[in-house]
């Protein structure tokens, strides 16, 4: 039986945004120095090659390049190889990158819920969330060209064993996260046909995780993805009351 919730999973679930969505902050980590992106700081920059790693400054990006070069070039080459096959819309790879970047808060939250990390933190080492997408080349914009085809919980080895370089990058992030007191790195694989992107999410310690556990996460994921909305603000129940964002 589905859980009946008093509060929706997002503050603006039932109404369209009335203004341009604000950029989400506070979930990005600089891959070089470990700084956390905050509303008072400048927006972190994504690596243009892999579109996964982020940096607080150009200096950190330059300093990290020697250790990031292998996984970055591997990721970029994999995407280029798929594009060169000629069987896909030439903009699919670029639009998938925009999709993952635009929906990063939503996708991270979905992975957190799907793996039940608040209830069973150890799941982070065993499983991953696979999100399958369908693509409409003639959609109104990059985000709304994708719809949710299906979601699956898969063994994490499904990703790490099939691509050792990606596995090494996830392991590096996991070690860094645990050193800082987190539980590890949640892995979300976003796939559309032959094109895919791995999204690693470093998860904080359980006593610092404020997001409520929800089992309606698939409905919420579809709702925001299929309306092209990037303004998702998840619910947290705290000692001060209900908080969204």
Protein backbone atom coordinates (compact mmCIF):
# COMPACT_ATOMS: atom_id res chain seq x y z
CA UNK A 1 0.00 0.00 0.00
CA UNK A 2 1.37 3.41 -0.96
CA UNK A 3 2.16 5.88 1.80
CA UNK A 4 -0.27 8.78 2.14
CA UNK A 5 1.73 11.99 2.58
CA UNK A 6 0.47 15.14 4.25
CA UNK A 7 3.04 17.28 2.45
CA UNK A 8 4.00 17.04 -1.24
CA UNK A 9 7.62 16.18 -2.03
CA UNK A 10 8.27 19.70 -3.32
CA UNK A 11 6.99 23.10 -2.26
CA UNK A 12 5.91 23.98 -5.81
CA UNK A 13 4.74 20.51 -6.88
CA UNK A 14 1.20 21.54 -7.82
CA UNK A 15 1.88 24.91 -9.45
CA UNK A 16 4.09 26.05 -12.34
CA UNK A 17 7.03 28.35 -11.55
CA UNK A 18 6.12 32.02 -11.56
CA UNK A 19 9.66 33.21 -12.26
CA UNK A 20 12.89 31.94 -13.74
CA UNK A 21 14.18 29.06 -11.60
CA UNK A 22 17.03 29.90 -9.24
CA UNK A 23 20.25 27.94 -9.55
CA UNK A 24 20.44 25.29 -6.86
CA UNK A 25 23.36 25.72 -4.46
CA UNK A 26 25.00 23.85 -1.62
CA UNK A 27 25.32 20.43 -3.28
CA UNK A 28 28.37 20.98 -5.50
CA UNK A 29 31.87 20.17 -4.26
CA UNK A 30 35.02 21.52 -5.83
CA UNK A 31 36.86 18.39 -6.97
CA UNK A 32 40.22 19.96 -6.19
CA UNK A 33 39.90 21.71 -2.81
CA UNK A 34 36.58 20.29 -1.54
CA UNK A 35 34.87 23.68 -1.13
CA UNK A 36 31.04 23.60 -1.11
CA UNK A 37 29.10 25.86 -3.46
CA UNK A 38 26.97 28.35 -1.52
CA UNK A 39 24.48 31.08 -2.54
CA UNK A 40 27.01 33.71 -1.45
CA UNK A 41 29.77 32.35 -3.69
CA UNK A 42 30.14 32.37 -7.44
CA UNK A 43 28.57 29.51 -9.36
CA UNK A 44 30.92 26.55 -9.70
CA UNK A 45 32.10 25.64 -13.19
CA UNK A 46 31.55 22.23 -14.74
CA UNK A 47 34.34 20.56 -16.66
CA UNK A 48 33.49 20.96 -20.34
CA UNK A 49 34.81 17.51 -21.21
CA UNK A 50 32.97 15.21 -18.81
CA UNK A 51 30.26 17.62 -17.57
CA UNK A 52 30.39 15.90 -14.16
CA UNK A 53 33.39 17.27 -12.26
CA UNK A 54 33.06 20.80 -10.92
CA UNK A 55 35.43 23.44 -9.61
CA UNK A 56 35.20 26.59 -7.51
CA UNK A 57 37.76 28.41 -9.66
CA UNK A 58 39.81 28.22 -12.81
CA UNK A 59 42.91 27.79 -10.64
CA UNK A 60 41.48 24.64 -9.02
CA UNK A 61 40.47 23.30 -12.43
CA UNK A 62 44.02 23.77 -13.75
CA UNK A 63 45.58 22.21 -10.64
CA UNK A 64 43.31 19.16 -10.86
CA UNK A 65 43.79 18.51 -14.58
CA UNK A 66 46.77 16.10 -14.28
CA UNK A 67 44.71 13.68 -12.13
CA UNK A 68 41.41 14.35 -13.93
CA UNK A 69 42.74 14.08 -17.48
CA UNK A 70 42.32 10.31 -17.91
CA UNK A 71 38.66 10.04 -16.83
CA UNK A 72 37.74 13.30 -18.58
CA UNK A 73 39.18 12.28 -21.94
CA UNK A 74 37.71 8.80 -21.55
CA UNK A 75 34.21 10.20 -20.93
CA UNK A 76 34.43 12.71 -23.76
CA UNK A 77 35.75 10.06 -26.17
CA UNK A 78 32.96 7.63 -25.26
CA UNK A 79 30.33 10.25 -26.04
CA UNK A 80 32.05 11.24 -29.29
CA UNK A 81 32.22 7.62 -30.42
CA UNK A 82 28.48 7.20 -30.00
CA UNK A 83 27.78 10.43 -31.87
CA UNK A 84 30.00 9.42 -34.79
CA UNK A 85 27.98 6.26 -35.35
CA UNK A 86 25.53 8.47 -37.24
CA UNK A 87 22.43 6.68 -36.03
CA UNK A 88 21.55 9.31 -33.44
CA UNK A 89 20.37 12.87 -33.47
CA UNK A 90 23.61 14.87 -33.40
CA UNK A 91 22.32 16.97 -30.50
CA UNK A 92 21.37 14.01 -28.27
CA UNK A 93 24.69 13.87 -26.42
CA UNK A 94 24.74 17.63 -25.84
CA UNK A 95 21.10 17.66 -24.69
CA UNK A 96 21.67 14.74 -22.34
CA UNK A 97 24.48 16.69 -20.70
CA UNK A 98 22.16 19.67 -20.29
CA UNK A 99 19.49 17.39 -18.87
CA UNK A 100 21.78 15.90 -16.22
CA UNK A 101 23.21 19.30 -15.28
CA UNK A 102 19.79 21.01 -15.15
CA UNK A 103 18.15 18.25 -13.11
CA UNK A 104 21.12 17.43 -10.87
CA UNK A 105 19.28 18.18 -7.60
CA UNK A 106 16.26 16.14 -8.66
CA UNK A 107 18.37 13.22 -9.90
CA UNK A 108 20.49 13.19 -6.73
CA UNK A 109 17.34 13.23 -4.58
CA UNK A 110 15.81 10.40 -6.62
CA UNK A 111 18.95 8.31 -6.15
CA UNK A 112 18.91 9.02 -2.41
CA UNK A 113 15.28 7.85 -2.20
CA UNK A 114 15.59 4.89 -4.56
CA UNK A 115 18.53 3.46 -2.61
CA UNK A 116 16.77 4.18 0.73
CA UNK A 117 19.92 5.80 2.07
CA UNK A 118 18.28 7.38 5.10
CA UNK A 119 16.98 4.00 6.28
CA UNK A 120 19.81 1.75 5.02
CA UNK A 121 23.00 3.77 4.38
CA UNK A 122 24.96 0.62 3.47
CA UNK A 123 22.92 0.36 0.23
CA UNK A 124 25.19 3.03 -1.20
CA UNK A 125 27.97 0.44 -1.59
CA UNK A 126 25.79 -2.22 -3.21
CA UNK A 127 23.32 -0.63 -5.61
CA UNK A 128 22.88 2.15 -8.14
CA UNK A 129 19.89 3.86 -9.74
CA UNK A 130 19.46 3.43 -13.49
CA UNK A 131 17.15 6.00 -15.10
CA UNK A 132 16.14 5.21 -18.69
CA UNK A 133 15.01 8.08 -20.88
CA UNK A 134 13.13 8.41 -24.15
CA UNK A 135 14.11 11.23 -26.52
CA UNK A 136 12.08 13.49 -28.80
CA UNK A 137 14.41 15.28 -31.27
CA UNK A 138 11.76 17.90 -32.01
CA UNK A 139 10.90 18.76 -28.41
CA UNK A 140 10.42 22.43 -27.42
CA UNK A 141 13.76 22.69 -25.58
CA UNK A 142 16.70 20.54 -24.47
CA UNK A 143 15.16 19.58 -21.13
CA UNK A 144 11.69 18.75 -22.39
CA UNK A 145 12.96 16.49 -25.15
CA UNK A 146 13.40 13.72 -22.58
CA UNK A 147 10.78 11.65 -20.78
CA UNK A 148 11.19 8.91 -18.19
CA UNK A 149 11.03 5.49 -19.81
CA UNK A 150 11.77 3.50 -16.67
CA UNK A 151 13.77 3.32 -13.45
CA UNK A 152 15.66 0.34 -12.06
CA UNK A 153 17.79 -0.53 -9.06
CA UNK A 154 20.89 -2.31 -10.37
CA UNK A 155 24.04 -3.67 -8.71
CA UNK A 156 26.69 -0.96 -8.58
CA UNK A 157 29.06 -3.38 -10.28
CA UNK A 158 26.83 -3.07 -13.36
CA UNK A 159 28.51 0.32 -13.84
CA UNK A 160 31.91 0.00 -12.18
CA UNK A 161 32.85 -3.39 -13.66
CA UNK A 162 31.81 -2.43 -17.19
CA UNK A 163 33.91 0.74 -17.14
CA UNK A 164 36.98 0.45 -14.89
CA UNK A 165 38.01 4.11 -15.33
CA UNK A 166 34.59 5.28 -14.18
CA UNK A 167 34.84 2.77 -11.32
CA UNK A 168 38.17 4.26 -10.26
CA UNK A 169 36.72 7.78 -10.32
CA UNK A 170 33.77 6.69 -8.17
CA UNK A 171 36.15 4.98 -5.72
CA UNK A 172 38.22 8.17 -5.46
CA UNK A 173 35.12 10.22 -4.69
CA UNK A 174 33.98 7.63 -2.17
CA UNK A 175 37.26 7.76 -0.29
CA UNK A 176 37.17 11.55 -0.17
CA UNK A 177 33.57 11.55 1.03
CA UNK A 178 34.25 9.07 3.84
CA UNK A 179 37.32 11.00 4.97
CA UNK A 180 35.06 14.01 5.49
CA UNK A 181 32.48 11.97 7.46
CA UNK A 182 30.05 11.04 4.67
CA UNK A 183 28.65 7.61 3.90
CA UNK A 184 29.99 7.36 0.36
CA UNK A 185 29.07 8.06 -3.25
CA UNK A 186 25.62 7.29 -4.63
CA UNK A 187 25.72 6.35 -8.31
CA UNK A 188 23.01 7.36 -10.78
CA UNK A 189 23.25 6.19 -14.38
CA UNK A 190 21.16 8.22 -16.83
CA UNK A 191 20.74 6.35 -20.11
CA UNK A 192 19.03 7.15 -23.40
CA UNK A 193 19.49 4.42 -25.96
CA UNK A 194 23.23 3.95 -26.50
CA UNK A 195 24.12 7.23 -24.79
CA UNK A 196 24.61 7.36 -21.03
CA UNK A 197 26.04 9.55 -18.34
CA UNK A 198 27.14 8.49 -14.86
CA UNK A 199 26.29 10.95 -12.10
CA UNK A 200 28.17 10.33 -8.82
CA UNK A 201 26.70 12.04 -5.74
CA UNK A 202 28.70 12.26 -2.52
CA UNK A 203 26.31 11.74 0.40
CA UNK A 204 26.72 13.30 3.83
CA UNK A 205 26.57 11.48 7.17
CA UNK A 206 23.09 10.14 8.10
CA UNK A 207 22.69 12.56 11.03
CA UNK A 208 23.24 15.46 8.62
CA UNK A 209 20.80 14.27 5.97
CA UNK A 210 17.62 16.29 6.35
CA UNK A 211 15.65 15.05 3.32
CA UNK A 212 12.56 13.08 4.26
CA UNK A 213 12.35 9.48 3.08
CA UNK A 214 9.75 9.15 0.30
CA UNK A 215 8.48 6.17 -1.65
CA UNK A 216 6.71 8.35 -4.24
CA UNK A 217 10.02 9.39 -5.79
CA UNK A 218 9.28 7.90 -9.23
CA UNK A 219 6.10 10.01 -9.55
CA UNK A 220 7.98 13.11 -8.44
CA UNK A 221 10.80 12.39 -10.89
CA UNK A 222 8.37 12.05 -13.81
CA UNK A 223 6.44 15.15 -12.78
CA UNK A 224 9.44 17.48 -12.84
CA UNK A 225 11.24 15.88 -15.79
CA UNK A 226 8.24 15.81 -18.10
CA UNK A 227 7.34 19.42 -17.32
CA UNK A 228 10.94 20.51 -17.93
CA UNK A 229 11.22 22.10 -14.50
CA UNK A 230 14.59 22.58 -12.81
CA UNK A 231 13.21 24.30 -9.69
CA UNK A 232 12.76 21.15 -7.59
CA UNK A 233 13.00 21.87 -3.84
CA UNK A 234 12.83 18.68 -1.74
CA UNK A 235 11.09 18.54 1.61
CA UNK A 236 12.95 18.21 4.91
CA UNK A 237 11.30 17.86 8.31
CA UNK A 238 13.53 19.53 10.90
CA UNK A 239 13.24 20.57 14.55
CA UNK A 240 12.26 23.99 13.23
CA UNK A 241 9.46 22.60 11.10
CA UNK A 242 9.04 21.84 7.39
CA UNK A 243 11.78 23.15 5.13
CA UNK A 244 11.87 23.04 1.33
CA UNK A 245 15.10 23.25 -0.61
